[in-house]
Each structure stands twice: as structure tokens, then as C-alpha cells.
Amino acid sequence: MSSRSARMLERALAVIPGGVNSPVRAFKAVGGSPPFIARGEGPEVVDEDGHRYLDLVGSWGALLLGHANQAVLGATMAAAARGSSFGAPTEAEVVLAEAIVERVPSIEKVRLCSSGTEATMHAIRLARGYTGRDKIIKLDGCYHGAHDAVLVQAGSGVATFAIPGSPGVPEAVAANTLVAPFNDLDAIEDLLEQHGDEVAALILEPITGNMGCIPPAEGYLQGLRDLCTSHGVVLIFDEVMTGFRVHRGCAQALYGVTPDLTTLGKIVGGGYPLAAFGGKAEIMNHLAPLGPVYQAGTLSGNPVAVAAGLATLNLLDDAVYERLERLGRALEKALQPSLNYHGCSMHRVGSMFTIYFCPESPKNFDDVKRSDLDAFSRFFLAALNTGVYLPPSQFEAAFLSAALSDEQMIRVIDGVEAAVVAAHVY
């Protein structure tokens, strides 16, 4: 008898391309079929067949406080009772904007939107409008949403013009995107020496999460800051994933480097469809209606999502980050002997981590692509069988939740360690 999840997948395949509304959910990279989730409870999800998993995906990093947090849930229910959407200003969006400006070092003014893809798209357009330049630089392996300007891959060589990374992206659009490896300051310097007066912005994840979790090398972010300043290039930190995850003031506060613009998502909306982009007032004032750069959205500043985001930020005190660091440190310490023995490696920043099936911790996307992807698939499926739900791709970061109890954290450690062994990597 087939499972309820399997039957739902069969129905989905008939009406949704690939049966999913975002590609990685299809489990294509790891084999098997995805469980269909019925509900979330704290640090756990329960699928349609009643199987319970400790959730290290957390809606791809959005649920720092876990599922159905009572304070967040209460705030959203109260907001929904007042109305789902107005398409007009509300006091709540002003309060959330003030909270973001107070926390994030780079942000003097901020605009709310509905997704991380929108945030990066608007930030790039704003940088182009502000500088009057067309080209941008992105880093190989950094993901900034599914819009044309950043949906490209690197060509041959250390740093080169990009080619379209997906059918449907015009070559003329991709030609304005330059690509360099992460953690390679010399490659950025070379690009700026060649094209500096044509480059509007450099956008990157300050800690990558879309080639797995890779931290910046010492001095790398400050080096980028210095190069962008000297060439008049707008430095954009894409903190859709790291924003409020690794520090109260985001990755930029953790590393002490201030970009010109910052994009936020996931945690800023408390798991609801909300994102933001902000930065220096001088740049942000180029947005309509003050300036000529157009940006709009019917659901921007949606009151229910704003209520969730504000409730989440209000709960993120020092104690939450101290607990998350303690949980992450315990995980890393417990797993290290097994990882070393089985030829694996690990990167972790706070509650964000990735286990790589290669002996040396990767520094960039080329390193990650040398990982044993078949071993990762075995690892993922073995972890799922122990009740630990990890991202179904070697190229995605995993996330710990503040809702995890110490006892549940032990179960996570035991399940992940058993899965490493089961992957038979030597």
C-alpha cells in the first residue's frame, strides 16, 4: 500500500511541474520521494503519514524560533483579524522598519517587499540607477533569487563574463553580469581594474548558504569593502539567509563590515512572505516617489507578514543567540571525530552549518563541486530514516532552531552521526 505522501506526489505531478513549487523540494539530487508536510510543531515537522522529523531545514532558514511559535502565531492571528491586506500604509510597517534600522548597521532607510528574489532584484536596479552603470559582479555559487541578472553561471577561467544559467535568460542580460570565485579577492580586483567604471554593484552572500555554508576568509569582506569604495561600486550584502540568523545585527555586524545596501528575507518575516532591502539614505532616496528608480508591490508591507516579522525580531534577544551558538558548538564538537574518520568536513557559523563529503573544508564553489554527491545522497536518506530532516542537497545549508531542547539536540547529533557512518565514506 502506497503512502499518503506518495499518493499526493502522484496527484501533484499531474498539475504542478515536477510536483513541487520550488525545484529542490523534489528530492531529485538525493533520490526518493519528498514527504508532504502536514504541520510543524516547534523544532519538528510531521508528514501526511504521521512520521515526525527534527527539522533542520526550517523553511530554508526562516524559522529561527521553530514552527508555530505562540507569540508569532498570536501576532499574526490578531493582524489577520484586522484585515489581510490594504495596499496602503500602516503603523506596523513603520514600527518594523524602525526595528530593522535600529538593528542593522548599514540600513538608514528600508523598503519592504514580499520575497528575497524581489529584494535583490530591486537592490540591483537601485544600484544601477544610483550609479548610472549597467554591469554587476556576483560570485560563483552565491544565489540571489531567480531573476535574470543573477541567474547565471561562471564561464571558464578565474573570473569572466557570465553565460545564462537557465534557458529564458537572454545572453544580452547575462553579458552585464561578471562572475568571480568566492573568497578570491584578487579576482575581484582584476575585474574592477578592467571594468570598474562600468560596474554598478557587487552582490554576495557574506556567508554563503547556497553552496552550503562557507564563511568568508579573514579580511575578505573588508577587502571587498575597500575595493568597492575605491571604484565607486555599490556593495550589496545579500543577507536574505544570514539576516538575524548569525547575529542580532546580521553577518555585517558579526564581521564588522558595512555594505552600502543590504537585502533581508526569511527571518525578517518570521516565516511569512516578507523581505526587505535597505541601506544608505543617499542611495535609498533614489527610489520613487523621491527619486527616479521605480519599485512597487501590491503586497509589500503586508500587515500579517509584518506582524510575524516584528514579533520574531522582538523575541531575538542575546539569550537566543547564545543558546544557538551553544547548540551549534555542541553539534560541531560531537561530530568532528566521526567526520574526520570518514573523510568529511564541516563549516559552521552559529546555527548555520553544512557537512561536506570531501576531506578539506571548501573555500568556494569549485571546492564544493568536488564533494562526493552520491555519498551525500546516502547520508541524507539515512538521516531522514533516523528522523532528522536535512536539506536535500549538498549545496544547501542546514539550520538549527532555538526551539530545540537539549534532549532533541542529542537526537540530532546521534542521527547525523549515524547517517555519516551509513554513507560509507572512507
Protein backbone atom coordinates (compact mmCIF):
# COMPACT_ATOMS: atom_id res chain seq x y z
CA MET A 1 0.00 0.00 0.00
CA SER A 2 1.49 3.35 -1.03
CA SER A 3 2.00 6.10 1.49
CA ARG A 4 -0.19 9.17 1.63
CA SER A 5 2.83 11.32 0.64
CA ALA A 6 3.42 9.13 -2.42
CA ARG A 7 -0.21 9.44 -3.47
CA MET A 8 -0.05 13.22 -3.02
CA LEU A 9 3.08 13.38 -5.17
CA GLU A 10 1.29 11.44 -7.90
CA ARG A 11 -1.57 13.95 -7.83
CA ALA A 12 0.86 16.88 -7.76
CA LEU A 13 2.80 15.64 -10.78
CA ALA A 14 -0.39 15.89 -12.84
CA VAL A 15 -0.96 19.57 -12.11
CA ILE A 16 2.35 21.11 -10.87
CA PRO A 17 5.59 20.96 -12.91
CA GLY A 18 7.72 18.30 -11.22
CA GLY A 19 5.10 18.06 -8.49
CA VAL A 20 6.68 20.89 -6.47
CA ASN A 21 6.63 24.68 -6.34
CA SER A 22 10.39 25.05 -5.90
CA PRO A 23 12.82 22.62 -7.58
CA VAL A 24 14.97 21.43 -4.65
CA ARG A 25 11.84 20.12 -2.87
CA ALA A 26 11.57 17.34 -5.47
CA PHE A 27 14.48 15.36 -3.91
CA LYS A 28 15.98 14.94 -7.40
CA ALA A 29 19.51 15.43 -6.03
CA VAL A 30 19.16 12.73 -3.37
CA GLY A 31 16.68 10.22 -4.80
CA GLY A 32 13.47 9.03 -3.24
CA SER A 33 10.27 10.98 -2.86
CA PRO A 34 9.65 14.00 -0.63
CA PRO A 35 7.43 13.70 2.42
CA PHE A 36 4.44 16.01 2.22
CA ILE A 37 4.36 18.06 5.41
CA ALA A 38 1.08 18.27 7.32
CA ARG A 39 2.15 20.51 10.20
CA GLY A 40 5.07 21.90 12.18
CA GLU A 41 5.46 21.88 15.94
CA GLY A 42 8.40 23.73 17.47
CA PRO A 43 11.58 22.13 16.07
CA GLU A 44 9.70 19.29 14.35
CA VAL A 45 7.61 18.67 11.25
CA VAL A 46 5.06 15.89 10.82
CA ASP A 47 4.30 14.47 7.39
CA GLU A 48 0.98 13.28 5.98
CA ASP A 49 1.79 9.72 7.08
CA GLY A 50 2.40 10.75 10.67
CA HIS A 51 6.19 10.49 10.55
CA ARG A 52 7.85 13.03 12.81
CA TYR A 53 11.18 14.68 11.90
CA LEU A 54 13.54 17.06 13.69
CA ASP A 55 13.57 19.86 11.16
CA LEU A 56 16.97 21.27 10.16
CA VAL A 57 15.55 22.95 7.06
CA GLY A 58 13.30 25.35 8.96
CA SER A 59 11.64 26.69 5.81
CA TRP A 60 15.16 27.21 4.42
CA GLY A 61 16.34 29.20 7.42
CA ALA A 62 13.26 31.33 8.02
CA LEU A 63 12.07 29.68 11.23
CA LEU A 64 14.77 30.57 13.74
CA LEU A 65 12.20 30.23 16.54
CA GLY A 66 10.72 26.99 15.23
CA HIS A 67 7.26 26.23 13.87
CA ALA A 68 4.08 27.86 15.18
CA ASN A 69 5.80 29.93 17.85
CA GLN A 70 2.99 31.09 20.11
CA ALA A 71 3.98 34.76 20.21
CA VAL A 72 4.37 34.92 16.41
CA LEU A 73 1.17 32.98 15.86
CA GLY A 74 -0.75 35.26 18.21
CA ALA A 75 0.55 38.39 16.47
CA THR A 76 -0.40 37.12 13.02
CA MET A 77 -3.86 35.98 14.08
CA ALA A 78 -4.54 39.39 15.62
CA ALA A 79 -3.31 41.14 12.47
CA ALA A 80 -5.35 38.88 10.18
CA ALA A 81 -8.47 39.62 12.19
CA ARG A 82 -8.00 43.31 11.36
CA GLY A 83 -7.64 42.62 7.63
CA SER A 84 -5.39 40.59 5.35
CA SER A 85 -4.14 43.33 3.04
CA PHE A 86 -4.77 47.03 2.46
CA GLY A 87 -2.38 48.24 -0.23
CA ALA A 88 -1.97 51.32 1.95
CA PRO A 89 0.45 52.46 4.69
CA THR A 90 0.08 51.03 8.20
CA GLU A 91 1.67 51.87 11.53
CA ALA A 92 3.00 48.32 11.87
CA GLU A 93 5.23 48.60 8.80
CA VAL A 94 6.74 51.79 10.21
CA VAL A 95 7.47 50.01 13.51
CA LEU A 96 9.09 47.10 11.67
CA ALA A 97 11.17 49.47 9.54
CA GLU A 98 12.33 51.26 12.70
CA ALA A 99 13.30 47.90 14.25
CA ILE A 100 15.34 46.95 11.17
CA VAL A 101 17.12 50.32 11.04
CA GLU A 102 17.94 50.06 14.75
CA ARG A 103 19.47 46.58 14.38
CA VAL A 104 21.29 46.55 11.03
CA PRO A 105 24.42 48.75 10.81
CA SER A 106 24.17 49.53 7.09
CA ILE A 107 20.49 50.43 6.95
CA GLU A 108 19.38 54.05 7.33
CA LYS A 109 16.22 53.60 5.27
CA VAL A 110 14.42 50.42 4.23
CA ARG A 111 11.72 49.25 1.83
CA LEU A 112 9.59 46.17 2.44
CA CYS A 113 8.71 43.69 -0.30
CA SER A 114 7.48 40.10 -0.47
CA SER A 115 10.43 37.81 -1.27
CA GLY A 116 14.19 37.61 -1.24
CA THR A 117 14.18 37.46 -5.03
CA GLU A 118 12.34 40.78 -5.11
CA ALA A 119 14.71 42.31 -2.58
CA THR A 120 17.85 41.51 -4.56
CA MET A 121 16.22 42.47 -7.86
CA HIS A 122 15.20 45.87 -6.51
CA ALA A 123 18.58 46.44 -4.83
CA ILE A 124 20.43 45.78 -8.07
CA ARG A 125 18.13 48.08 -10.05
CA LEU A 126 18.59 50.77 -7.40
CA ALA A 127 22.39 50.42 -7.57
CA ARG A 128 22.26 50.77 -11.35
CA GLY A 129 20.00 53.81 -11.13
CA TYR A 130 22.18 55.40 -8.46
CA THR A 131 25.49 54.88 -10.29
CA GLY A 132 24.32 55.15 -13.90
CA ARG A 133 26.25 51.95 -14.66
CA ASP A 134 24.96 48.65 -16.07
CA LYS A 135 27.27 45.82 -15.04
CA ILE A 136 27.21 43.91 -11.77
CA ILE A 137 29.57 41.39 -10.18
CA LYS A 138 28.26 38.27 -8.49
CA LEU A 139 30.20 35.35 -7.03
CA ASP A 140 30.10 31.84 -8.41
CA GLY A 141 27.81 29.72 -6.24
CA CYS A 142 26.08 32.61 -4.50
CA TYR A 143 22.34 32.55 -5.16
CA HIS A 144 20.34 35.77 -5.18
CA GLY A 145 16.94 34.62 -6.35
CA ALA A 146 15.51 33.59 -9.67
CA HIS A 147 15.67 36.83 -11.67
CA ASP A 148 17.63 37.20 -14.89
CA ALA A 149 20.51 39.40 -13.76
CA VAL A 150 21.77 36.88 -11.19
CA LEU A 151 20.59 33.57 -12.65
CA VAL A 152 23.87 32.99 -14.42
CA GLN A 153 26.89 30.74 -14.04
CA ALA A 154 30.61 31.37 -14.47
CA GLY A 155 32.38 30.68 -17.73
CA SER A 156 35.88 29.25 -17.99
CA GLY A 157 38.74 30.92 -16.20
CA VAL A 158 39.07 32.53 -12.80
CA ALA A 159 36.77 35.48 -13.49
CA THR A 160 34.88 36.00 -16.70
CA PHE A 161 31.71 37.22 -18.28
CA ALA A 162 28.79 35.03 -17.32
CA ILE A 163 26.67 32.96 -19.66
CA PRO A 164 22.99 32.27 -19.00
CA GLY A 165 22.49 29.68 -16.26
CA SER A 166 18.94 28.91 -17.40
CA PRO A 167 17.06 28.90 -20.68
CA GLY A 168 15.00 32.06 -20.80
CA VAL A 169 17.79 34.33 -19.58
CA PRO A 170 18.82 36.47 -22.58
CA GLU A 171 22.51 36.49 -23.38
CA ALA A 172 22.38 40.29 -23.51
CA VAL A 173 21.26 40.35 -19.87
CA ALA A 174 23.85 37.81 -18.77
CA ALA A 175 26.57 39.81 -20.51
CA ASN A 176 26.14 42.53 -17.90
CA THR A 177 26.91 40.11 -15.07
CA LEU A 178 30.54 39.38 -14.23
CA VAL A 179 31.37 36.35 -12.11
CA ALA A 180 34.30 35.59 -9.80
CA PRO A 181 35.01 32.88 -7.22
CA PHE A 182 34.05 33.39 -3.58
CA ASN A 183 36.95 34.12 -1.21
CA ASP A 184 39.21 35.30 -4.06
CA LEU A 185 39.98 38.99 -3.59
CA ASP A 186 42.49 39.07 -6.44
CA ALA A 187 39.80 38.03 -8.94
CA ILE A 188 37.58 40.92 -7.84
CA GLU A 189 40.47 43.35 -8.05
CA ASP A 190 41.23 42.18 -11.60
CA LEU A 191 37.59 42.62 -12.67
CA LEU A 192 37.39 46.09 -11.22
CA GLU A 193 40.65 47.14 -12.84
CA GLN A 194 39.21 46.07 -16.21
CA HIS A 195 35.59 47.17 -15.79
CA GLY A 196 35.42 49.33 -12.68
CA ASP A 197 33.85 52.36 -14.36
CA GLU A 198 31.11 50.12 -15.80
CA VAL A 199 30.22 48.20 -12.59
CA ALA A 200 27.23 49.39 -10.59
CA ALA A 201 27.27 46.80 -7.81
CA LEU A 202 28.97 43.81 -6.31
CA ILE A 203 26.47 41.45 -4.66
CA LEU A 204 27.33 38.47 -2.47
CA GLU A 205 26.21 36.38 0.46
CA PRO A 206 28.67 37.37 3.21
CA ILE A 207 28.37 33.80 4.49
CA THR A 208 27.29 31.54 1.65
CA GLY A 209 24.32 29.27 2.10
CA ASN A 210 23.61 28.19 -1.44
CA MET A 211 26.79 26.20 -1.98
CA GLY A 212 26.44 25.10 1.58
CA CYS A 213 27.66 27.18 4.49
CA ILE A 214 31.06 28.72 3.73
CA PRO A 215 32.36 31.61 5.85
CA PRO A 216 34.40 34.45 4.35
CA ALA A 217 38.17 34.20 4.63
CA GLU A 218 39.80 36.55 7.11
CA GLY A 219 39.96 40.04 5.61
CA TYR A 220 37.90 39.11 2.55
CA LEU A 221 34.81 41.19 3.29
CA GLN A 222 36.85 44.23 4.33
CA GLY A 223 38.89 43.83 1.15
CA LEU A 224 35.70 43.91 -0.90
CA ARG A 225 34.54 46.96 1.01
CA ASP A 226 37.79 48.78 0.24
CA LEU A 227 37.75 47.84 -3.46
CA CYS A 228 34.13 48.89 -3.93
CA THR A 229 34.77 52.21 -2.21
CA SER A 230 37.79 52.97 -4.38
CA HIS A 231 35.91 52.14 -7.62
CA GLY A 232 32.59 53.77 -6.72
CA VAL A 233 30.80 50.41 -6.74
CA VAL A 234 27.75 49.77 -4.54
CA LEU A 235 28.49 46.84 -2.21
CA ILE A 236 25.37 44.73 -1.59
CA PHE A 237 25.27 42.11 1.13
CA ASP A 238 22.57 39.56 0.38
CA GLU A 239 21.55 38.68 3.94
CA VAL A 240 18.27 37.01 2.99
CA MET A 241 19.62 33.88 4.67
CA THR A 242 22.09 35.28 7.22
CA GLY A 243 20.00 38.28 8.28
CA PHE A 244 19.21 37.90 12.02
CA ARG A 245 20.41 34.27 11.80
CA VAL A 246 24.07 34.64 12.77
CA HIS A 247 23.86 37.86 14.81
CA ARG A 248 21.31 40.39 16.02
CA GLY A 249 22.78 42.84 13.51
CA CYS A 250 23.23 40.23 10.75
CA ALA A 251 26.54 38.99 9.27
CA GLN A 252 27.75 42.56 8.71
CA ALA A 253 27.69 43.17 12.46
CA LEU A 254 29.33 39.81 13.14
CA TYR A 255 32.27 40.67 10.86
CA GLY A 256 32.30 44.45 11.35
CA VAL A 257 32.00 45.33 7.66
CA THR A 258 29.26 47.69 6.48
CA PRO A 259 27.86 47.36 2.93
CA ASP A 260 26.05 50.11 1.04
CA LEU A 261 22.86 48.07 0.61
CA THR A 262 21.52 45.01 2.39
CA THR A 263 18.79 42.57 1.38
CA LEU A 264 16.81 40.69 4.00
CA GLY A 265 14.26 37.88 3.92
CA LYS A 266 13.25 34.69 5.71
CA ILE A 267 13.65 35.58 9.41
CA VAL A 268 12.65 39.22 8.89
CA GLY A 269 9.18 37.93 8.01
CA GLY A 270 9.00 35.27 10.70
CA GLY A 271 8.32 32.59 8.09
CA TYR A 272 5.75 34.65 6.17
CA PRO A 273 6.22 36.13 2.67
CA LEU A 274 8.10 39.28 3.55
CA ALA A 275 11.52 40.67 2.65
CA ALA A 276 13.32 43.99 2.68
CA PHE A 277 16.15 45.96 1.16
CA GLY A 278 17.79 48.98 2.65
CA GLY A 279 20.96 50.96 3.08
CA LYS A 280 22.37 54.43 2.96
CA ALA A 281 19.72 57.16 2.82
CA GLU A 282 21.62 58.81 -0.04
CA ILE A 283 21.07 55.70 -2.16
CA MET A 284 17.59 54.77 -0.92
CA ASN A 285 16.32 58.27 -1.68
CA HIS A 286 16.72 57.47 -5.38
CA LEU A 287 13.62 55.26 -5.09
CA ALA A 288 10.26 56.59 -6.26
CA PRO A 289 8.46 58.68 -5.15
CA LEU A 290 11.57 60.61 -4.02
CA GLY A 291 13.71 59.64 -6.98
CA PRO A 292 13.56 58.14 -10.48
CA VAL A 293 14.14 54.43 -9.69
CA TYR A 294 10.80 52.65 -9.71
CA GLN A 295 9.86 49.88 -7.28
CA ALA A 296 6.42 48.78 -6.16
CA GLY A 297 4.38 45.80 -4.95
CA THR A 298 0.73 45.25 -4.08
CA LEU A 299 1.57 43.07 -1.07
CA SER A 300 4.67 45.00 0.04
CA GLY A 301 4.37 45.58 3.78
CA ASN A 302 1.55 43.05 4.09
CA PRO A 303 0.16 43.55 7.63
CA VAL A 304 0.02 39.85 8.56
CA ALA A 305 3.60 39.24 7.44
CA VAL A 306 4.77 42.45 9.11
CA ALA A 307 3.18 41.30 12.39
CA ALA A 308 5.06 37.99 12.16
CA GLY A 309 8.34 39.70 11.42
CA LEU A 310 8.02 42.22 14.23
CA ALA A 311 7.03 39.53 16.75
CA THR A 312 10.04 37.47 15.69
CA LEU A 313 12.54 40.32 15.97
CA ASN A 314 11.18 41.23 19.39
CA LEU A 315 11.98 37.71 20.64
CA LEU A 316 15.55 37.64 19.30
CA ASP A 317 17.50 38.75 22.37
CA ASP A 318 21.07 37.90 23.37
CA ALA A 319 19.94 34.76 25.17
CA VAL A 320 18.55 33.29 21.93
CA TYR A 321 21.83 33.81 20.07
CA GLU A 322 23.88 32.48 22.98
CA ARG A 323 21.74 29.34 23.05
CA LEU A 324 22.00 28.83 19.30
CA GLU A 325 25.79 29.20 19.45
CA ARG A 326 25.92 26.66 22.27
CA LEU A 327 23.84 24.18 20.27
CA GLY A 328 25.94 24.69 17.16
CA ARG A 329 29.20 24.31 19.06
CA ALA A 330 27.94 21.10 20.68
CA LEU A 331 26.99 19.68 17.29
CA GLU A 332 30.34 20.53 15.74
CA LYS A 333 32.34 19.15 18.65
CA ALA A 334 30.36 15.91 18.80
CA LEU A 335 30.55 15.23 15.06
CA GLN A 336 34.18 16.15 14.40
CA PRO A 337 35.78 12.77 15.24
CA SER A 338 33.37 10.88 13.01
CA LEU A 339 33.71 13.41 10.20
CA ASN A 340 37.49 13.21 10.33
CA TYR A 341 37.44 9.41 10.32
CA HIS A 342 35.09 9.16 7.35
CA GLY A 343 36.81 11.81 5.23
CA CYS A 344 34.20 14.52 5.65
CA SER A 345 34.42 18.16 6.65
CA MET A 346 32.14 20.80 8.13
CA HIS A 347 31.61 24.55 8.15
CA ARG A 348 29.51 26.24 10.82
CA VAL A 349 28.68 29.83 11.68
CA GLY A 350 26.37 29.99 14.69
CA SER A 351 23.28 27.92 13.98
CA MET A 352 24.03 27.56 10.26
CA PHE A 353 26.14 24.62 9.03
CA THR A 354 26.92 22.15 6.26
CA ILE A 355 28.60 18.74 6.29
CA TYR A 356 30.63 18.21 3.12
CA PHE A 357 31.63 14.87 1.69
CA CYS A 358 35.19 15.94 0.98
CA PRO A 359 38.14 15.88 3.42
CA GLU A 360 39.03 19.58 3.27
CA SER A 361 36.51 22.28 4.13
CA PRO A 362 35.55 24.06 0.88
CA LYS A 363 36.53 27.68 0.30
CA ASN A 364 34.46 28.26 -2.85
CA PHE A 365 32.00 26.67 -5.28
CA ASP A 366 34.65 24.74 -7.23
CA ASP A 367 35.71 23.05 -3.98
CA VAL A 368 32.11 22.13 -3.17
CA LYS A 369 31.59 20.60 -6.61
CA ARG A 370 34.39 18.14 -5.83
CA SER A 371 32.33 16.68 -2.97
CA ASP A 372 31.06 13.10 -3.24
CA LEU A 373 27.43 13.77 -4.13
CA ASP A 374 26.48 10.08 -4.11
CA ALA A 375 27.74 9.82 -0.55
CA PHE A 376 25.74 12.89 0.38
CA SER A 377 22.59 11.27 -1.02
CA ARG A 378 23.16 8.18 1.13
CA PHE A 379 23.82 10.43 4.11
CA PHE A 380 20.66 12.44 3.57
CA LEU A 381 18.40 9.41 3.22
CA ALA A 382 19.97 7.72 6.25
CA ALA A 383 19.42 10.87 8.33
CA LEU A 384 15.81 11.05 7.19
CA ASN A 385 15.32 7.44 8.28
CA THR A 386 16.57 8.37 11.76
CA GLY A 387 14.05 11.20 11.95
CA VAL A 388 16.38 14.11 11.08
CA TYR A 389 15.19 16.23 8.16
CA LEU A 390 18.16 17.92 6.42
CA PRO A 391 18.20 19.99 3.21
CA PRO A 392 18.07 17.53 0.28
CA SER A 393 21.17 18.92 -1.44
CA GLN A 394 24.89 19.15 -0.75
CA PHE A 395 24.63 22.75 -1.95
CA GLU A 396 22.25 23.96 0.79
CA ALA A 397 22.97 24.98 4.38
CA ALA A 398 21.21 23.39 7.35
CA PHE A 399 19.80 25.37 10.26
CA LEU A 400 19.31 24.80 13.97
CA SER A 401 16.22 26.16 15.67
CA ALA A 402 16.07 27.91 19.02
CA ALA A 403 13.09 25.65 19.76
CA LEU A 404 15.35 22.57 20.01
CA SER A 405 15.58 21.18 23.52
CA ASP A 406 18.84 19.72 24.81
CA GLU A 407 17.33 16.23 24.53
CA GLN A 408 16.28 16.86 20.93
CA MET A 409 19.73 18.21 20.16
CA ILE A 410 21.22 14.92 21.33
CA ARG A 411 18.87 13.12 18.95
CA VAL A 412 20.02 15.40 16.12
CA ILE A 413 23.67 14.65 16.87
CA ASP A 414 23.07 10.91 17.13
CA GLY A 415 21.03 10.85 13.92
CA VAL A 416 23.51 12.86 11.89
CA GLU A 417 26.47 10.85 13.16
CA ALA A 418 24.72 7.58 12.33
CA ALA A 419 23.97 8.92 8.85
CA VAL A 420 27.63 9.84 8.26
CA VAL A 421 28.59 6.28 9.13
CA ALA A 422 25.83 4.86 6.94
CA ALA A 423 27.06 6.84 3.94
CA HIS A 424 30.22 4.61 3.97
CA VAL A 425 32.65 7.37 3.02
CA TYR A 426 36.30 6.39 3.56
